[in-house]
Each structure stands twice: as structure tokens, then as C-alpha cells.
Amino acid sequence: MFFLLAHAIDENTLVAWIRWMRKKKTERKEGEEPRRRVGEKTIKNVLYDIGHFLRWLERQGDIIEAPKLPSEEISEVEYLPEVPEADVVTLV
């Protein structure tokens, strides 16, 4: 099953997937909660995980060649973690 699925994935498919993930979902059913769009960091992390998986399949011999990841589509994300103050940490 992975053999057929992995061969259907190429760079163009990954680009289309990234662009689909970035689109805001506007169609909702009546009474449905608004959907949050997928963040850039999540897209980057998932894409890198898919890339690792495809390279693993290549090393296992299940696919001939892993597709190139579309690095120009990946946005660098500035991530500033919220670090609690020391007095808050002692309370926890």
C-alpha cells in the first residue's frame, strides 16, 4: 500500500497540499464552529515529517527516489515561547 501511495507524491503534490492547508475554510454548515486555519509552524513540521518518512521509504527500498521538498513554499517562523516567571513556576 505504501508503495503505491508514495509513488503518487511528488513536489507538485506537496506544493498543492501546502497551499490547500493555508487556505481559510469559509464553507461551514449552519451552527458549525469556525475552523482555525493551520499555522505555518504546523505546516513546516508536518512537511518535514513527511519528508523524513519518504526518505526512510527510499532507504528501505520501497520507493526509488524521495521527492524534493518544496523549500521555497516553507515559511520561516519566528517562535517566541512564553516562559513563565520564576515565582509562577514555583507555584506549579
Protein backbone atom coordinates (compact mmCIF):
# COMPACT_ATOMS: atom_id res chain seq x y z
CA MET A 1 0.00 0.00 0.00
CA PHE A 2 2.78 2.47 0.88
CA PHE A 3 4.47 1.57 -2.39
CA LEU A 4 1.58 2.91 -4.48
CA LEU A 5 0.86 5.88 -2.20
CA ALA A 6 4.46 7.07 -2.06
CA HIS A 7 4.79 6.99 -5.84
CA ALA A 8 1.79 9.33 -6.14
CA ILE A 9 3.59 12.00 -4.07
CA ASP A 10 5.80 14.44 -5.94
CA GLU A 11 6.98 18.01 -5.42
CA ASN A 12 3.92 19.48 -7.19
CA THR A 13 1.59 17.44 -4.97
CA LEU A 14 3.36 18.74 -1.85
CA VAL A 15 3.11 22.35 -3.09
CA ALA A 16 -0.62 21.91 -3.74
CA TRP A 17 -1.05 20.40 -0.28
CA ILE A 18 0.75 23.33 1.40
CA ARG A 19 -1.37 25.86 -0.46
CA TRP A 20 -4.54 23.95 0.44
CA MET A 21 -3.54 23.96 4.11
CA ARG A 22 -3.02 27.74 4.02
CA LYS A 23 -6.48 28.44 2.59
CA LYS A 24 -9.03 29.68 5.06
CA LYS A 25 -12.03 27.42 5.31
CA THR A 26 -15.09 29.50 4.56
CA GLU A 27 -17.78 26.91 3.90
CA ARG A 28 -19.46 25.85 7.13
CA LYS A 29 -22.70 24.16 7.96
CA GLU A 30 -25.31 26.02 9.97
CA GLY A 31 -24.33 26.12 13.64
CA GLU A 32 -20.83 24.82 12.99
CA GLU A 33 -17.95 26.45 14.88
CA PRO A 34 -15.48 28.48 12.80
CA ARG A 35 -12.44 26.47 11.82
CA ARG A 36 -8.98 27.70 12.63
CA ARG A 37 -6.59 27.67 9.72
CA VAL A 38 -3.40 25.63 10.02
CA GLY A 39 -0.42 27.66 11.21
CA GLU A 40 2.85 28.00 9.31
CA LYS A 41 4.81 26.21 12.03
CA THR A 42 2.46 23.22 11.88
CA ILE A 43 2.69 23.09 8.08
CA LYS A 44 6.50 23.18 8.28
CA ASN A 45 6.68 20.48 10.96
CA VAL A 46 4.29 18.14 9.15
CA LEU A 47 6.05 18.66 5.82
CA TYR A 48 9.42 17.83 7.38
CA ASP A 49 7.92 14.71 9.00
CA ILE A 50 6.54 13.60 5.62
CA GLY A 51 9.98 14.23 4.10
CA HIS A 52 11.67 12.06 6.76
CA PHE A 53 9.12 9.31 6.14
CA LEU A 54 9.65 9.41 2.36
CA ARG A 55 13.44 9.29 2.76
CA TRP A 56 13.01 6.32 5.11
CA LEU A 57 10.91 4.56 2.44
CA GLU A 58 13.70 5.30 -0.05
CA ARG A 59 16.34 3.78 2.27
CA GLN A 60 14.12 0.72 2.78
CA GLY A 61 13.86 0.27 -0.98
CA ASP A 62 10.09 0.78 -1.04
CA ILE A 63 10.38 3.79 -3.38
CA ILE A 64 13.04 4.58 -5.96
CA GLU A 65 13.55 8.24 -5.06
CA ALA A 66 12.02 10.51 -2.42
CA PRO A 67 10.59 13.72 -3.90
CA LYS A 68 12.33 17.03 -3.21
CA LEU A 69 10.61 19.09 -0.53
CA PRO A 70 9.39 22.44 -1.85
CA SER A 71 11.60 24.59 0.40
CA GLU A 72 10.51 27.81 -1.33
CA GLU A 73 6.96 27.17 -0.06
CA ILE A 74 8.06 26.79 3.57
CA SER A 75 7.92 29.98 5.62
CA GLU A 76 10.46 30.55 8.34
CA VAL A 77 8.55 31.03 11.55
CA GLU A 78 9.65 33.27 14.37
CA TYR A 79 8.60 31.47 17.51
CA LEU A 80 8.84 33.28 20.81
CA PRO A 81 7.83 30.86 23.54
CA GLU A 82 6.02 32.22 26.55
CA VAL A 83 8.26 31.48 29.52
CA PRO A 84 6.58 31.92 32.89
CA GLU A 85 8.22 33.97 35.60
CA ALA A 86 10.14 32.10 38.31
CA ASP A 87 7.54 32.84 41.00
CA VAL A 88 4.79 31.33 38.81
CA VAL A 89 6.88 28.21 38.22
CA THR A 90 7.35 27.69 41.98
CA LEU A 91 3.56 27.75 42.43
CA VAL A 92 3.15 24.93 39.96
